[in-house]
Amino acid sequence: MGEYELKPCPKCGGKAEIRRVGEYRNLFAVMCSQCGWHAAKMSEGALALSDAVQLWESRVEAIENVSKIKPCPFCGALLEKKHREYWGTNSSKKKELVSYDYWEHPLNGCIIDFASPEGFYVYEDTIDDWNRRVSDVQ
């Protein structure tokens, strides 16, 4: 499967492993050998080896950048970190645990509350977009 130097799991620090998905396919996923966290979202499923490795590395990097999330440019509120887990169905119609972190803007009368009355959320893969927009407003 080639030699890749993978970053450790951003959730628990465990060793990342490349796993073949399915018996006869050249599709892969990268996941933590300790806690089972994997970078692929259900819609992405299994990928070619190089794509699976690239996805792992980009998601790990995004999570590492989480501590750099900027406060709201309108009200100064800090976004609150939340975690969600649920059982979903993957592309093979098998149940799998979906687990992810996200950051929620508090409902405090900010202009963002009026734009998104159901709540405003920033996900791991959109932190850079949020920070860029915050910088544009300031």
C-alpha atoms as a PDB file:
ATOM      1  CA  MET A   1       0.000   0.000   0.000  1.00  0.00           C
ATOM      2  CA  GLY A   2       2.988   2.288  -0.118  1.00  0.00           C
ATOM      3  CA  GLU A   3       4.658   4.052   2.751  1.00  0.00           C
ATOM      4  CA  TYR A   4       2.960   7.123   4.097  1.00  0.00           C
ATOM      5  CA  GLU A   5       3.926   9.056   7.187  1.00  0.00           C
ATOM      6  CA  LEU A   6       0.540   9.904   8.655  1.00  0.00           C
ATOM      7  CA  LYS A   7      -0.112  12.465  11.350  1.00  0.00           C
ATOM      8  CA  PRO A   8      -1.487  10.961  14.586  1.00  0.00           C
ATOM      9  CA  CYS A   9      -5.189  11.079  15.366  1.00  0.00           C
ATOM     10  CA  PRO A  10      -6.241  14.613  16.345  1.00  0.00           C
ATOM     11  CA  LYS A  11      -8.841  13.256  18.768  1.00  0.00           C
ATOM     12  CA  CYS A  12      -6.774  10.870  20.903  1.00  0.00           C
ATOM     13  CA  GLY A  13      -3.197  10.919  19.551  1.00  0.00           C
ATOM     14  CA  GLY A  14      -3.455   7.302  18.363  1.00  0.00           C
ATOM     15  CA  LYS A  15      -1.691   5.845  15.336  1.00  0.00           C
ATOM     16  CA  ALA A  16      -3.373   6.358  11.975  1.00  0.00           C
ATOM     17  CA  GLU A  17      -3.895   3.262   9.816  1.00  0.00           C
ATOM     18  CA  ILE A  18      -4.739   2.833   6.162  1.00  0.00           C
ATOM     19  CA  ARG A  19      -7.462   0.248   5.694  1.00  0.00           C
ATOM     20  CA  ARG A  20      -8.790  -1.344   2.542  1.00  0.00           C
ATOM     21  CA  VAL A  21     -12.559  -0.993   2.229  1.00  0.00           C
ATOM     22  CA  GLY A  22     -14.242  -4.025   0.716  1.00  0.00           C
ATOM     23  CA  GLU A  23     -12.517  -7.224  -0.311  1.00  0.00           C
ATOM     24  CA  TYR A  24     -11.763  -6.709  -3.981  1.00  0.00           C
ATOM     25  CA  ARG A  25     -11.684  -2.964  -4.434  1.00  0.00           C
ATOM     26  CA  ASN A  26      -8.813  -0.521  -4.505  1.00  0.00           C
ATOM     27  CA  LEU A  27     -10.630   1.799  -2.136  1.00  0.00           C
ATOM     28  CA  PHE A  28      -9.249   2.912   1.186  1.00  0.00           C
ATOM     29  CA  ALA A  29      -9.968   4.848   4.352  1.00  0.00           C
ATOM     30  CA  VAL A  30      -7.581   6.199   6.967  1.00  0.00           C
ATOM     31  CA  MET A  31      -8.652   5.777  10.563  1.00  0.00           C
ATOM     32  CA  CYS A  32      -7.291   5.815  14.082  1.00  0.00           C
ATOM     33  CA  SER A  33      -6.251   2.400  15.396  1.00  0.00           C
ATOM     34  CA  GLN A  34      -7.080   3.505  18.937  1.00  0.00           C
ATOM     35  CA  CYS A  35     -10.429   5.364  18.882  1.00  0.00           C
ATOM     36  CA  GLY A  36     -11.672   4.567  15.362  1.00  0.00           C
ATOM     37  CA  TRP A  37     -12.026   8.207  14.242  1.00  0.00           C
ATOM     38  CA  HIS A  38     -11.819   8.571  10.480  1.00  0.00           C
ATOM     39  CA  ALA A  39     -11.581  11.603   8.268  1.00  0.00           C
ATOM     40  CA  ALA A  40     -14.050  10.595   5.577  1.00  0.00           C
ATOM     41  CA  LYS A  41     -17.584  11.870   5.821  1.00  0.00           C
ATOM     42  CA  MET A  42     -20.333   9.409   4.953  1.00  0.00           C
ATOM     43  CA  SER A  43     -20.897  11.080   1.577  1.00  0.00           C
ATOM     44  CA  GLU A  44     -17.209  10.643   0.677  1.00  0.00           C
ATOM     45  CA  GLY A  45     -16.946   6.995   1.675  1.00  0.00           C
ATOM     46  CA  ALA A  46     -13.916   5.020   0.542  1.00  0.00           C
ATOM     47  CA  LEU A  47     -11.381   6.689  -1.736  1.00  0.00           C
ATOM     48  CA  ALA A  48      -8.334   5.913  -3.830  1.00  0.00           C
ATOM     49  CA  LEU A  49      -5.279   5.478  -1.584  1.00  0.00           C
ATOM     50  CA  SER A  50      -3.662   8.862  -2.279  1.00  0.00           C
ATOM     51  CA  ASP A  51      -7.011  10.663  -1.880  1.00  0.00           C
ATOM     52  CA  ALA A  52      -7.716   8.923   1.453  1.00  0.00           C
ATOM     53  CA  VAL A  53      -4.279   9.935   2.766  1.00  0.00           C
ATOM     54  CA  GLN A  54      -4.707  13.520   1.533  1.00  0.00           C
ATOM     55  CA  LEU A  55      -8.158  13.733   3.161  1.00  0.00           C
ATOM     56  CA  TRP A  56      -6.774  12.468   6.505  1.00  0.00           C
ATOM     57  CA  GLU A  57      -3.933  14.982   6.468  1.00  0.00           C
ATOM     58  CA  SER A  58      -6.210  17.926   5.569  1.00  0.00           C
ATOM     59  CA  ARG A  59      -8.791  17.089   8.260  1.00  0.00           C
ATOM     60  CA  VAL A  60      -6.083  16.618  10.904  1.00  0.00           C
ATOM     61  CA  GLU A  61      -4.628  19.996   9.926  1.00  0.00           C
ATOM     62  CA  ALA A  62      -8.065  21.644  10.111  1.00  0.00           C
ATOM     63  CA  ILE A  63      -8.608  20.272  13.615  1.00  0.00           C
ATOM     64  CA  GLU A  64      -5.144  21.431  14.694  1.00  0.00           C
ATOM     65  CA  ASN A  65      -6.144  24.955  13.555  1.00  0.00           C
ATOM     66  CA  VAL A  66      -9.261  24.906  15.731  1.00  0.00           C
ATOM     67  CA  SER A  67      -7.557  26.689  18.585  1.00  0.00           C
ATOM     68  CA  LYS A  68      -7.112  29.611  16.209  1.00  0.00           C
ATOM     69  CA  ILE A  69     -10.836  30.168  15.584  1.00  0.00           C
ATOM     70  CA  LYS A  70     -11.633  33.874  15.759  1.00  0.00           C
ATOM     71  CA  PRO A  71     -14.510  35.439  17.730  1.00  0.00           C
ATOM     72  CA  CYS A  72     -17.560  36.901  15.996  1.00  0.00           C
ATOM     73  CA  PRO A  73     -16.633  40.189  14.266  1.00  0.00           C
ATOM     74  CA  PHE A  74     -20.030  41.723  15.051  1.00  0.00           C
ATOM     75  CA  CYS A  75     -20.521  40.981  18.752  1.00  0.00           C
ATOM     76  CA  GLY A  76     -17.154  39.601  19.878  1.00  0.00           C
ATOM     77  CA  ALA A  77     -18.696  36.352  21.138  1.00  0.00           C
ATOM     78  CA  LEU A  78     -16.543  33.248  21.283  1.00  0.00           C
ATOM     79  CA  LEU A  79     -18.009  30.303  19.421  1.00  0.00           C
ATOM     80  CA  GLU A  80     -18.779  27.378  21.716  1.00  0.00           C
ATOM     81  CA  LYS A  81     -17.303  23.990  20.844  1.00  0.00           C
ATOM     82  CA  LYS A  82     -19.868  21.169  20.599  1.00  0.00           C
ATOM     83  CA  HIS A  83     -19.694  17.495  19.680  1.00  0.00           C
ATOM     84  CA  ARG A  84     -22.233  15.327  17.895  1.00  0.00           C
ATOM     85  CA  GLU A  85     -22.483  11.580  17.402  1.00  0.00           C
ATOM     86  CA  TYR A  86     -25.189   9.615  15.662  1.00  0.00           C
ATOM     87  CA  TRP A  87     -25.658   6.345  13.814  1.00  0.00           C
ATOM     88  CA  GLY A  88     -25.934   6.863  10.078  1.00  0.00           C
ATOM     89  CA  THR A  89     -25.945   4.674   7.000  1.00  0.00           C
ATOM     90  CA  ASN A  90     -22.898   4.699   4.735  1.00  0.00           C
ATOM     91  CA  SER A  91     -22.798   4.175   0.956  1.00  0.00           C
ATOM     92  CA  SER A  92     -22.768   0.376   1.507  1.00  0.00           C
ATOM     93  CA  LYS A  93     -26.014   0.637   3.508  1.00  0.00           C
ATOM     94  CA  LYS A  94     -24.182  -0.337   6.693  1.00  0.00           C
ATOM     95  CA  LYS A  95     -24.699   1.471   9.977  1.00  0.00           C
ATOM     96  CA  GLU A  96     -21.711   3.454  11.193  1.00  0.00           C
ATOM     97  CA  LEU A  97     -21.065   5.907  13.987  1.00  0.00           C
ATOM     98  CA  VAL A  98     -20.698   9.459  12.704  1.00  0.00           C
ATOM     99  CA  SER A  99     -18.809  11.721  15.079  1.00  0.00           C
ATOM    100  CA  TYR A 100     -17.741  15.330  14.606  1.00  0.00           C
ATOM    101  CA  ASP A 101     -17.027  18.610  16.375  1.00  0.00           C
ATOM    102  CA  TYR A 102     -18.506  21.971  15.483  1.00  0.00           C
ATOM    103  CA  TRP A 103     -18.623  25.481  16.931  1.00  0.00           C
ATOM    104  CA  GLU A 104     -21.862  27.298  17.659  1.00  0.00           C
ATOM    105  CA  HIS A 105     -22.433  31.048  17.791  1.00  0.00           C
ATOM    106  CA  PRO A 106     -24.396  31.920  20.957  1.00  0.00           C
ATOM    107  CA  LEU A 107     -27.882  33.394  20.521  1.00  0.00           C
ATOM    108  CA  ASN A 108     -27.260  36.849  21.959  1.00  0.00           C
ATOM    109  CA  GLY A 109     -29.016  39.349  19.694  1.00  0.00           C
ATOM    110  CA  CYS A 110     -26.079  39.568  17.283  1.00  0.00           C
ATOM    111  CA  ILE A 111     -26.811  40.318  13.624  1.00  0.00           C
ATOM    112  CA  ILE A 112     -25.837  36.691  12.874  1.00  0.00           C
ATOM    113  CA  ASP A 113     -28.859  35.551  14.929  1.00  0.00           C
ATOM    114  CA  PHE A 114     -31.170  37.369  12.519  1.00  0.00           C
ATOM    115  CA  ALA A 115     -29.438  35.884   9.473  1.00  0.00           C
ATOM    116  CA  SER A 116     -29.572  32.338  10.921  1.00  0.00           C
ATOM    117  CA  PRO A 117     -32.451  32.130  13.433  1.00  0.00           C
ATOM    118  CA  GLU A 118     -32.030  28.333  13.805  1.00  0.00           C
ATOM    119  CA  GLY A 119     -28.414  28.824  14.857  1.00  0.00           C
ATOM    120  CA  PHE A 120     -25.084  29.491  13.197  1.00  0.00           C
ATOM    121  CA  TYR A 121     -22.424  26.773  13.095  1.00  0.00           C
ATOM    122  CA  VAL A 122     -18.823  26.499  11.964  1.00  0.00           C
ATOM    123  CA  TYR A 123     -17.573  23.003  11.139  1.00  0.00           C
ATOM    124  CA  GLU A 124     -13.993  21.710  11.223  1.00  0.00           C
ATOM    125  CA  ASP A 125     -13.540  22.014   7.481  1.00  0.00           C
ATOM    126  CA  THR A 126     -14.877  25.609   7.346  1.00  0.00           C
ATOM    127  CA  ILE A 127     -12.802  27.225  10.120  1.00  0.00           C
ATOM    128  CA  ASP A 128     -10.409  28.813   7.629  1.00  0.00           C
ATOM    129  CA  ASP A 129     -13.370  30.292   5.711  1.00  0.00           C
ATOM    130  CA  TRP A 130     -14.821  31.721   8.964  1.00  0.00           C
ATOM    131  CA  ASN A 131     -11.496  33.245   9.995  1.00  0.00           C
ATOM    132  CA  ARG A 132     -10.989  34.754   6.535  1.00  0.00           C
ATOM    133  CA  ARG A 133     -14.445  36.359   6.605  1.00  0.00           C
ATOM    134  CA  VAL A 134     -13.882  37.665  10.134  1.00  0.00           C
ATOM    135  CA  SER A 135     -10.670  39.322   8.941  1.00  0.00           C
ATOM    136  CA  ASP A 136     -12.518  40.838   5.942  1.00  0.00           C
ATOM    137  CA  VAL A 137     -15.149  42.418   8.223  1.00  0.00           C
ATOM    138  CA  GLN A 138     -12.637  43.797  10.711  1.00  0.00           C
END
